[in-house]
Protein backbone atom coordinates (compact mmCIF):
# COMPACT_ATOMS: atom_id res chain seq x y z
CA MET A 1 -51.25 -10.87 45.27
CA GLN A 2 -47.78 -9.61 44.73
CA VAL A 3 -48.22 -10.50 41.09
CA GLN A 4 -51.09 -8.63 40.74
CA ARG A 5 -49.98 -5.55 42.55
CA ALA A 6 -47.05 -5.55 40.39
CA LEU A 7 -49.00 -5.73 37.18
CA ARG A 8 -51.21 -2.84 38.19
CA PRO A 9 -48.97 -0.25 36.66
CA LEU A 10 -48.54 -2.26 33.50
CA ILE A 11 -51.78 -2.71 32.52
CA ALA A 12 -52.72 1.14 33.54
CA PHE A 13 -49.80 1.96 31.35
CA ALA A 14 -51.15 -0.40 28.59
CA ALA A 15 -54.78 1.33 28.83
CA LEU A 16 -53.67 4.63 28.80
CA ALA A 17 -51.60 4.04 25.46
CA ALA A 18 -54.51 2.52 23.81
CA ALA A 19 -56.50 5.62 24.95
CA ALA A 20 -53.75 7.63 23.26
CA SER A 21 -53.20 6.03 20.28
CA ALA A 22 -57.16 6.04 19.46
CA VAL A 23 -57.32 9.79 20.50
CA ARG A 24 -53.95 10.56 18.42
CA PRO A 25 -54.83 11.22 14.70
CA ALA A 26 -52.94 8.38 13.26
CA ASP A 27 -54.17 8.75 9.96
CA LYS A 28 -53.28 12.11 9.38
CA ILE A 29 -50.17 12.49 6.52
CA THR A 30 -48.13 15.30 6.40
CA TRP A 31 -46.88 15.68 2.62
CA LYS A 32 -43.94 17.45 1.63
CA GLN A 33 -43.37 19.13 -1.51
CA TYR A 34 -40.42 17.42 -3.62
CA GLU A 35 -37.49 20.07 -3.54
CA THR A 36 -35.59 18.34 -6.17
CA MET A 37 -36.24 18.46 -9.90
CA ALA A 38 -39.58 16.46 -11.21
CA THR A 39 -41.25 16.53 -14.40
CA PHE A 40 -44.62 15.76 -15.40
CA ARG A 41 -46.30 15.48 -18.89
CA ILE A 42 -49.70 14.99 -20.20
CA ASP A 43 -50.22 13.56 -23.67
CA ASP A 44 -46.42 14.37 -24.28
CA ARG A 45 -46.99 18.22 -23.59
CA PRO A 46 -45.70 19.71 -20.39
CA VAL A 47 -48.54 21.18 -17.88
CA ALA A 48 -48.05 24.81 -16.55
CA SER A 49 -49.60 24.30 -13.45
CA TRP A 50 -48.91 21.11 -11.04
CA ASN A 51 -46.97 20.23 -7.60
CA LEU A 52 -45.66 17.14 -6.39
CA PHE A 53 -45.94 16.08 -2.67
CA HIS A 54 -43.86 12.62 -1.14
CA PRO A 55 -45.12 11.66 2.51
CA GLY A 56 -41.79 12.16 4.41
CA LYS A 57 -38.71 9.84 3.44
CA LYS A 58 -40.84 7.58 1.44
CA GLU A 59 -41.51 7.94 -2.16
CA ASP A 60 -45.17 6.02 -2.24
CA PRO A 61 -47.50 6.98 -2.26
CA LEU A 62 -47.29 10.62 -4.13
CA LEU A 63 -50.05 13.60 -4.15
CA LEU A 64 -50.15 15.19 -7.51
CA GLN A 65 -51.30 18.48 -7.72
CA VAL A 66 -52.99 19.48 -11.33
CA GLY A 67 -54.51 22.86 -11.09
CA GLU A 68 -56.97 22.17 -8.63
CA ARG A 69 -57.03 18.93 -8.48
CA PHE A 70 -55.39 16.66 -6.25
CA LEU A 71 -54.63 12.98 -7.31
CA LEU A 72 -53.36 10.06 -4.85
CA ILE A 73 -51.20 7.83 -6.86
CA GLU A 74 -50.34 4.35 -5.34
CA ILE A 75 -47.17 3.15 -7.11
CA ARG A 76 -47.36 -0.26 -5.57
CA GLU A 77 -51.08 -0.88 -5.63
CA ARG A 78 -51.63 1.12 -9.20
CA GLN A 79 -54.65 2.78 -8.35
CA ILE A 80 -55.21 6.73 -8.36
CA PHE A 81 -57.95 8.13 -6.26
CA ASP A 82 -59.21 11.73 -6.65
CA LEU A 83 -58.93 13.87 -3.34
CA ASP A 84 -61.15 16.38 -2.59
CA ALA A 85 -59.24 19.72 -2.11
CA LYS A 86 -61.55 20.92 0.64
CA LYS A 87 -60.29 18.10 2.74
CA ILE A 88 -56.60 19.15 2.24
CA GLU A 89 -55.11 21.34 4.43
CA ARG A 90 -51.93 23.87 3.31
CA HIS A 91 -49.04 24.67 5.75
CA GLY A 92 -46.74 26.54 3.66
CA ASN A 93 -45.31 24.01 1.34
CA GLU A 94 -46.65 21.11 3.08
CA LEU A 95 -50.13 19.74 2.81
CA VAL A 96 -51.91 17.92 5.71
CA TRP A 97 -54.62 15.14 4.37
CA ARG A 98 -56.17 12.41 6.24
CA GLU A 99 -56.04 8.77 5.33
CA SER A 100 -59.80 8.63 6.39
CA ASP A 101 -61.05 10.94 3.73
CA LYS A 102 -59.86 8.87 0.89
CA PRO A 103 -62.55 7.66 -1.36
CA ALA A 104 -63.57 4.02 -1.47
CA LYS A 105 -63.13 3.39 -4.96
CA PRO A 106 -60.06 4.30 -7.30
CA LEU A 107 -60.55 6.00 -10.60
CA ASP A 108 -59.97 4.03 -13.62
CA ALA A 109 -56.24 4.07 -14.74
CA SER A 110 -54.80 1.54 -17.10
CA ALA A 111 -51.68 1.14 -19.40
CA TRP A 112 -49.43 1.14 -16.24
CA ASN A 113 -45.61 1.21 -16.75
CA VAL A 114 -43.22 2.06 -13.74
CA ARG A 115 -39.71 1.91 -14.24
CA ASP A 116 -36.44 3.12 -12.92
CA VAL A 117 -34.70 5.50 -15.39
CA GLY A 118 -30.69 5.86 -13.53
CA THR A 119 -31.46 7.88 -10.59
CA ALA A 120 -34.76 8.93 -11.60
CA ARG A 121 -38.37 6.48 -11.41
CA ARG A 122 -40.49 6.93 -14.47
CA ILE A 123 -44.07 6.35 -13.86
CA ARG A 124 -46.94 6.36 -16.45
CA PHE A 125 -50.42 5.77 -16.93
CA GLN A 126 -53.67 6.40 -18.79
CA LEU A 127 -56.47 8.27 -16.70
CA GLU A 128 -59.60 9.69 -18.13
CA GLY A 129 -58.18 8.99 -22.12
CA ARG A 130 -54.71 10.94 -21.49
CA LEU A 131 -51.40 9.38 -20.97
CA PHE A 132 -50.02 11.10 -17.72
CA ASP A 133 -45.94 11.05 -17.31
CA LEU A 134 -44.42 11.46 -13.88
CA GLN A 135 -40.55 11.69 -13.22
CA THR A 136 -39.55 12.04 -9.57
CA PRO A 137 -35.78 11.87 -8.80
CA GLU A 138 -34.58 9.20 -5.96
CA ILE A 139 -34.94 10.55 -2.52
CA LEU A 140 -31.31 9.35 -1.53
CA ASP A 141 -31.00 7.67 1.72
CA TRP A 142 -27.36 8.73 3.28
CA ARG A 143 -27.72 6.21 6.37
């Protein structure tokens, strides 16, 4: 009997924690704009209107905005998803997007080449018959 009474607060806490995590918007991702210099080219030509975002201290995945189009680039999985711009909220230099809004099927991207070039990473792939070339600076972790 004593053990059951002692476990009641623990069971109640576990139930509350489970309920809170179910209600919490865990799939919300806040994307921060790259503060440092990144370069982007399509078919070896610079692009006039583009922006690059990363989720906090991570560099994978990346969110590339080209004009009004948003491309989610999953580097390790070598997949690209075309995101619905209406489902992305803008808060200054940050974007908020829900993982649950990710399309079920990635775009048909090929000719992937990802490599480190000194203090930067070069990501190249072919999408819709065009060659995308993105160079991002390494985010240094000074811890």
